[in-house]
N, C-alpha and C. Protein backbone atom coordinates (compact mmCIF):
# COMPACT_ATOMS: atom_id res chain seq x y z
N UNK A 1 0.83 -1.17 0.00
CA UNK A 1 0.00 0.00 0.00
C UNK A 1 0.89 1.25 0.00
N UNK A 2 0.56 2.19 -0.84
CA UNK A 2 1.37 3.41 -0.98
C UNK A 2 1.13 4.36 0.18
N UNK A 3 2.13 5.20 0.41
CA UNK A 3 1.99 6.23 1.43
C UNK A 3 0.98 7.27 1.00
N UNK A 4 0.32 7.92 1.97
CA UNK A 4 -0.60 9.01 1.59
C UNK A 4 0.20 10.18 1.01
N UNK A 5 -0.41 10.90 0.08
CA UNK A 5 0.26 12.04 -0.55
C UNK A 5 0.44 13.17 0.45
N UNK A 6 1.58 13.85 0.34
CA UNK A 6 1.82 15.04 1.15
C UNK A 6 0.98 16.17 0.58
N UNK A 7 0.38 16.94 1.45
CA UNK A 7 -0.42 18.07 1.01
C UNK A 7 0.48 19.27 0.74
N UNK A 8 0.37 19.84 -0.44
CA UNK A 8 1.12 21.04 -0.80
C UNK A 8 0.08 22.10 -1.15
N UNK A 9 0.10 23.19 -0.40
CA UNK A 9 -0.84 24.27 -0.64
C UNK A 9 -0.38 25.05 -1.87
N UNK A 10 -1.21 25.07 -2.90
CA UNK A 10 -0.84 25.68 -4.17
C UNK A 10 -0.56 27.17 -4.02
N UNK A 11 -1.38 27.87 -3.25
CA UNK A 11 -1.19 29.31 -3.06
C UNK A 11 0.12 29.59 -2.34
N UNK A 12 0.43 28.80 -1.31
CA UNK A 12 1.70 28.96 -0.59
C UNK A 12 2.87 28.68 -1.53
N UNK A 13 2.74 27.63 -2.32
CA UNK A 13 3.79 27.28 -3.27
C UNK A 13 4.06 28.45 -4.22
N UNK A 14 3.00 29.04 -4.76
CA UNK A 14 3.16 30.15 -5.70
C UNK A 14 3.75 31.37 -5.01
N UNK A 15 3.36 31.60 -3.76
CA UNK A 15 3.95 32.72 -3.01
C UNK A 15 5.44 32.51 -2.76
N UNK A 16 5.83 31.28 -2.45
CA UNK A 16 7.24 30.98 -2.23
C UNK A 16 8.04 31.18 -3.52
N UNK A 17 7.45 30.80 -4.65
CA UNK A 17 8.11 31.04 -5.94
C UNK A 17 8.24 32.53 -6.18
N UNK A 18 7.20 33.29 -5.84
CA UNK A 18 7.23 34.74 -6.00
C UNK A 18 8.29 35.39 -5.15
N UNK A 19 8.60 34.79 -4.01
CA UNK A 19 9.67 35.29 -3.14
C UNK A 19 11.05 34.81 -3.61
N UNK A 20 11.07 34.06 -4.70
CA UNK A 20 12.29 33.53 -5.31
C UNK A 20 13.01 32.53 -4.41
N UNK A 21 12.22 31.77 -3.63
CA UNK A 21 12.81 30.71 -2.81
C UNK A 21 13.36 29.62 -3.73
N UNK A 22 14.42 28.99 -3.30
CA UNK A 22 15.01 27.92 -4.09
C UNK A 22 14.17 26.65 -3.96
N UNK A 23 14.43 25.70 -4.82
CA UNK A 23 13.74 24.41 -4.76
C UNK A 23 13.99 23.76 -3.40
N UNK A 24 15.20 23.85 -2.93
CA UNK A 24 15.56 23.26 -1.64
C UNK A 24 14.78 23.92 -0.50
N UNK A 25 14.64 25.25 -0.55
CA UNK A 25 13.89 25.96 0.49
C UNK A 25 12.40 25.61 0.45
N UNK A 26 11.85 25.49 -0.75
CA UNK A 26 10.44 25.12 -0.89
C UNK A 26 10.20 23.71 -0.36
N UNK A 27 11.11 22.80 -0.69
CA UNK A 27 11.00 21.43 -0.19
C UNK A 27 11.09 21.41 1.34
N UNK A 28 11.98 22.22 1.90
CA UNK A 28 12.10 22.30 3.35
C UNK A 28 10.84 22.86 3.99
N UNK A 29 10.23 23.85 3.36
CA UNK A 29 9.01 24.46 3.88
C UNK A 29 7.88 23.43 3.99
N UNK A 30 7.73 22.62 2.95
CA UNK A 30 6.66 21.62 2.93
C UNK A 30 7.09 20.27 3.50
N UNK A 31 8.37 20.15 3.86
CA UNK A 31 8.92 18.90 4.39
C UNK A 31 8.73 17.75 3.40
N UNK A 32 9.20 17.98 2.17
CA UNK A 32 9.10 17.00 1.10
C UNK A 32 10.44 16.91 0.38
N UNK A 33 10.58 15.92 -0.50
CA UNK A 33 11.78 15.79 -1.31
C UNK A 33 11.58 16.51 -2.64
N UNK A 34 12.67 16.72 -3.35
CA UNK A 34 12.57 17.35 -4.67
C UNK A 34 11.79 16.48 -5.65
N UNK A 35 11.89 15.17 -5.49
CA UNK A 35 11.12 14.26 -6.36
C UNK A 35 9.63 14.43 -6.13
N UNK A 36 9.24 14.55 -4.87
CA UNK A 36 7.82 14.76 -4.54
C UNK A 36 7.33 16.08 -5.12
N UNK A 37 8.14 17.12 -5.00
CA UNK A 37 7.76 18.43 -5.53
C UNK A 37 7.61 18.37 -7.04
N UNK A 38 8.52 17.71 -7.71
CA UNK A 38 8.43 17.60 -9.17
C UNK A 38 7.20 16.80 -9.61
N UNK A 39 6.91 15.71 -8.88
CA UNK A 39 5.71 14.93 -9.21
C UNK A 39 4.45 15.76 -9.00
N UNK A 40 4.41 16.54 -7.92
CA UNK A 40 3.26 17.39 -7.64
C UNK A 40 3.09 18.44 -8.74
N UNK A 41 4.19 19.06 -9.16
CA UNK A 41 4.13 20.06 -10.24
C UNK A 41 3.60 19.43 -11.52
N UNK A 42 4.06 18.23 -11.83
CA UNK A 42 3.57 17.53 -13.03
C UNK A 42 2.07 17.26 -12.92
N UNK A 43 1.63 16.87 -11.72
CA UNK A 43 0.22 16.54 -11.52
C UNK A 43 -0.67 17.79 -11.56
N UNK A 44 -0.22 18.88 -10.93
CA UNK A 44 -1.04 20.08 -10.80
C UNK A 44 -0.94 20.99 -12.02
N UNK A 45 0.29 21.22 -12.51
CA UNK A 45 0.52 22.17 -13.61
C UNK A 45 0.82 21.50 -14.95
N UNK A 46 1.06 20.20 -14.90
CA UNK A 46 1.47 19.45 -16.10
C UNK A 46 2.79 19.99 -16.66
N UNK A 47 3.66 20.45 -15.74
CA UNK A 47 4.98 20.99 -16.10
C UNK A 47 5.96 20.59 -15.01
N UNK A 48 7.25 20.69 -15.32
CA UNK A 48 8.27 20.41 -14.31
C UNK A 48 8.37 21.58 -13.34
N UNK A 49 9.04 21.35 -12.20
CA UNK A 49 9.20 22.41 -11.22
C UNK A 49 9.88 23.63 -11.84
N UNK A 50 10.94 23.41 -12.60
CA UNK A 50 11.68 24.54 -13.16
C UNK A 50 10.83 25.38 -14.10
N UNK A 51 9.94 24.74 -14.85
CA UNK A 51 9.05 25.49 -15.74
C UNK A 51 8.04 26.31 -14.94
N UNK A 52 7.47 25.70 -13.92
CA UNK A 52 6.50 26.40 -13.08
C UNK A 52 7.18 27.55 -12.34
N UNK A 53 8.37 27.27 -11.78
CA UNK A 53 9.10 28.29 -11.03
C UNK A 53 9.42 29.50 -11.91
N UNK A 54 9.82 29.25 -13.13
CA UNK A 54 10.15 30.33 -14.07
C UNK A 54 8.95 31.24 -14.28
N UNK A 55 7.76 30.65 -14.38
CA UNK A 55 6.54 31.44 -14.58
C UNK A 55 6.14 32.19 -13.31
N UNK A 56 6.17 31.53 -12.18
CA UNK A 56 5.64 32.10 -10.94
C UNK A 56 6.58 33.11 -10.30
N UNK A 57 7.88 33.02 -10.55
CA UNK A 57 8.79 33.97 -9.92
C UNK A 57 8.70 35.35 -10.55
N UNK A 58 8.10 35.46 -11.73
CA UNK A 58 7.99 36.76 -12.39
C UNK A 58 7.19 37.75 -11.55
N UNK A 59 6.19 37.27 -10.82
CA UNK A 59 5.42 38.16 -9.93
C UNK A 59 6.33 38.75 -8.86
N UNK A 60 7.23 37.96 -8.34
CA UNK A 60 8.17 38.43 -7.34
C UNK A 60 9.12 39.46 -7.91
N UNK A 61 9.56 39.26 -9.14
CA UNK A 61 10.45 40.22 -9.78
C UNK A 61 9.76 41.56 -9.98
N UNK A 62 8.49 41.52 -10.37
CA UNK A 62 7.72 42.76 -10.57
C UNK A 62 7.59 43.49 -9.24
N UNK A 63 7.27 42.77 -8.19
CA UNK A 63 7.12 43.37 -6.88
C UNK A 63 8.43 43.98 -6.39
N UNK A 64 9.52 43.24 -6.57
CA UNK A 64 10.84 43.73 -6.18
C UNK A 64 11.19 45.01 -6.94
N UNK A 65 10.96 45.00 -8.22
CA UNK A 65 11.26 46.17 -9.05
C UNK A 65 10.44 47.38 -8.60
N UNK A 66 9.18 47.17 -8.28
CA UNK A 66 8.31 48.25 -7.81
C UNK A 66 8.86 48.86 -6.52
N UNK A 67 9.28 48.01 -5.60
CA UNK A 67 9.84 48.50 -4.33
C UNK A 67 11.17 49.23 -4.56
N UNK A 68 11.98 48.74 -5.48
CA UNK A 68 13.24 49.42 -5.78
C UNK A 68 12.99 50.83 -6.31
N UNK A 69 12.01 50.97 -7.19
CA UNK A 69 11.67 52.30 -7.71
C UNK A 69 11.16 53.21 -6.60
N UNK A 70 10.35 52.67 -5.68
CA UNK A 70 9.86 53.47 -4.57
C UNK A 70 10.99 53.94 -3.67
N UNK A 71 11.95 53.07 -3.43
CA UNK A 71 13.12 53.47 -2.62
C UNK A 71 13.98 54.48 -3.33
N UNK A 72 14.10 54.35 -4.64
CA UNK A 72 14.93 55.27 -5.43
C UNK A 72 14.34 56.68 -5.44
N UNK A 73 13.03 56.78 -5.31
CA UNK A 73 12.37 58.08 -5.32
C UNK A 73 12.57 58.85 -4.03
N UNK A 74 12.98 58.19 -2.97
CA UNK A 74 13.15 58.86 -1.66
C UNK A 74 14.44 59.62 -1.61
């Protein structure tokens, strides 16, 4: 009998990607292995972790850039 699946909160995962957390940090946050994370990404997004991360981290880059401009204006 297989082990029960680890629960990965999709919103939390996307927020961690937006914060530009590494794969290792995300795995540590959810207490899972990189293989589990990759299987979950394939199941949920039908893409590998690196493909999903590339898409989701762009929100973090936009936010960072916005804050940099706000600091530069001071």
